[in-house]
Protein backbone atom coordinates (compact mmCIF):
# COMPACT_ATOMS: atom_id res chain seq x y z
CA MET A 1 -4.16 -15.40 -41.46
CA ALA A 2 -2.13 -13.09 -39.26
CA TRP A 3 -3.11 -15.01 -36.12
CA VAL A 4 -1.72 -18.24 -37.63
CA ILE A 5 1.64 -16.55 -38.24
CA PHE A 6 1.48 -15.08 -34.74
CA ILE A 7 0.89 -18.52 -33.20
CA ILE A 8 3.72 -20.05 -35.23
CA LEU A 9 6.15 -17.27 -34.24
CA SER A 10 5.05 -17.49 -30.60
CA ILE A 11 5.59 -21.25 -30.48
CA LEU A 12 8.95 -20.81 -32.21
CA CYS A 13 10.01 -18.13 -29.71
CA VAL A 14 8.94 -20.12 -26.64
CA GLY A 15 10.53 -23.28 -28.05
CA ALA A 16 13.80 -21.50 -28.76
CA VAL A 17 13.92 -20.07 -25.24
CA ALA A 18 13.13 -23.48 -23.72
CA ALA A 19 15.84 -25.10 -25.85
CA MET A 20 18.26 -22.38 -24.80
CA ILE A 21 17.55 -23.06 -21.13
CA LEU A 22 17.91 -26.82 -21.52
CA SER A 23 21.03 -26.80 -23.72
CA ARG A 24 24.47 -26.99 -22.12
CA ASN A 25 26.51 -25.82 -25.11
CA GLN A 26 27.15 -22.06 -25.11
CA ALA A 27 27.29 -21.76 -28.89
CA HIS A 28 23.94 -23.54 -29.22
CA ASN A 29 22.51 -21.26 -26.54
CA ALA A 30 23.57 -18.19 -28.51
CA LEU A 31 22.01 -19.55 -31.70
CA PHE A 32 18.77 -20.39 -29.90
CA LEU A 33 18.74 -16.85 -28.53
CA VAL A 34 19.18 -15.48 -32.08
CA LEU A 35 16.19 -17.57 -33.15
CA ALA A 36 14.13 -16.26 -30.23
CA PHE A 37 15.07 -12.64 -31.01
CA SER A 38 14.28 -13.10 -34.69
CA SER A 39 10.87 -14.60 -34.02
CA LEU A 40 10.19 -11.80 -31.54
CA GLY A 41 11.07 -9.32 -34.30
CA GLY A 42 8.51 -11.06 -36.51
CA ILE A 43 5.89 -10.69 -33.77
CA PHE A 44 6.69 -6.97 -33.53
CA GLY A 45 6.27 -6.78 -37.31
CA LEU A 46 2.82 -8.35 -37.02
CA LEU A 47 1.89 -5.77 -34.40
CA ASP A 48 2.58 -2.94 -36.89
CA ALA A 49 5.70 -1.81 -35.08
CA PRO A 50 8.27 -1.81 -37.91
CA PHE A 51 10.95 0.12 -36.04
CA ALA A 52 10.81 -2.22 -33.06
CA ALA A 53 10.92 -5.23 -35.38
CA VAL A 54 13.94 -3.98 -37.31
CA ALA A 55 15.71 -2.85 -34.14
CA GLN A 56 15.04 -6.25 -32.53
CA VAL A 57 16.51 -8.14 -35.46
CA LEU A 58 19.44 -5.83 -36.23
CA VAL A 59 20.54 -4.86 -32.75
CA TYR A 60 19.77 -7.92 -30.67
CA ALA A 61 19.81 -10.83 -33.09
CA GLY A 62 22.63 -9.32 -35.15
CA ALA A 63 25.10 -7.26 -33.23
CA ILE A 64 24.77 -8.42 -29.64
CA MET A 65 24.65 -12.11 -30.49
CA VAL A 66 27.71 -11.79 -32.73
CA LEU A 67 29.58 -10.20 -29.84
CA PHE A 68 28.32 -12.90 -27.50
CA LEU A 69 29.45 -15.64 -29.87
CA PHE A 70 32.89 -14.07 -30.16
CA ALA A 71 33.14 -13.89 -26.36
CA VAL A 72 32.07 -17.52 -26.00
CA MET A 73 34.54 -18.67 -28.63
CA MET A 74 37.43 -16.58 -27.28
CA PHE A 75 37.21 -17.62 -23.65
CA ASN A 76 37.56 -21.24 -22.68
CA LEU A 77 35.64 -21.44 -19.42
CA ARG A 78 36.36 -25.12 -18.85
CA ARG A 79 39.99 -24.65 -17.77
CA SER A 80 40.99 -22.63 -14.73
CA PRO A 81 44.23 -20.66 -14.98
CA PRO A 82 47.26 -21.76 -12.98
CA PRO A 83 47.59 -20.12 -9.55
CA GLU A 84 50.56 -17.94 -10.58
CA LYS A 85 48.62 -16.49 -13.52
CA LYS A 86 45.56 -16.00 -11.33
CA ARG A 87 47.63 -14.01 -8.82
CA LEU A 88 49.06 -11.88 -11.64
CA ARG A 89 45.56 -11.19 -12.96
CA VAL A 90 44.35 -10.13 -9.52
CA ILE A 91 47.30 -7.76 -9.10
CA LEU A 92 46.87 -6.25 -12.57
CA SER A 93 43.11 -5.85 -12.22
CA THR A 94 43.53 -4.20 -8.82
CA ALA A 95 46.11 -1.79 -10.24
CA LEU A 96 43.84 -0.99 -13.18
CA GLY A 97 40.90 -0.42 -10.81
CA VAL A 98 42.98 1.98 -8.68
CA ILE A 99 44.10 3.89 -11.79
CA LEU A 100 40.53 4.17 -13.09
CA LEU A 101 39.29 5.29 -9.67
CA ALA A 102 42.02 7.98 -9.57
CA GLU A 103 40.99 9.19 -13.03
CA LEU A 104 37.38 9.34 -11.91
CA VAL A 105 38.29 11.38 -8.85
CA LEU A 106 40.43 13.76 -10.92
CA ALA A 107 37.66 14.21 -13.49
């Protein structure tokens, strides 16, 4: 009976990863990745590795995918910023990099 569940979870995991690769929508990709991580947690549970199963579901399928979904929803990657904002971002990021490098040297 366990091998039937293993085959079902394996097909579900491979199908979710294939759907994630073929999909163009970032939100759908994140949800397919959650499905793949959850089915992988089920496979770890079948292999008598309860800690790995719980860590897979809680850490990867839960926390990291929630953060990924928030990042996808917050940033609109389809529009490029105007050139004046892009120049400002480059200047600010360079200044921040120099400040962080100075702090690293002083530490």
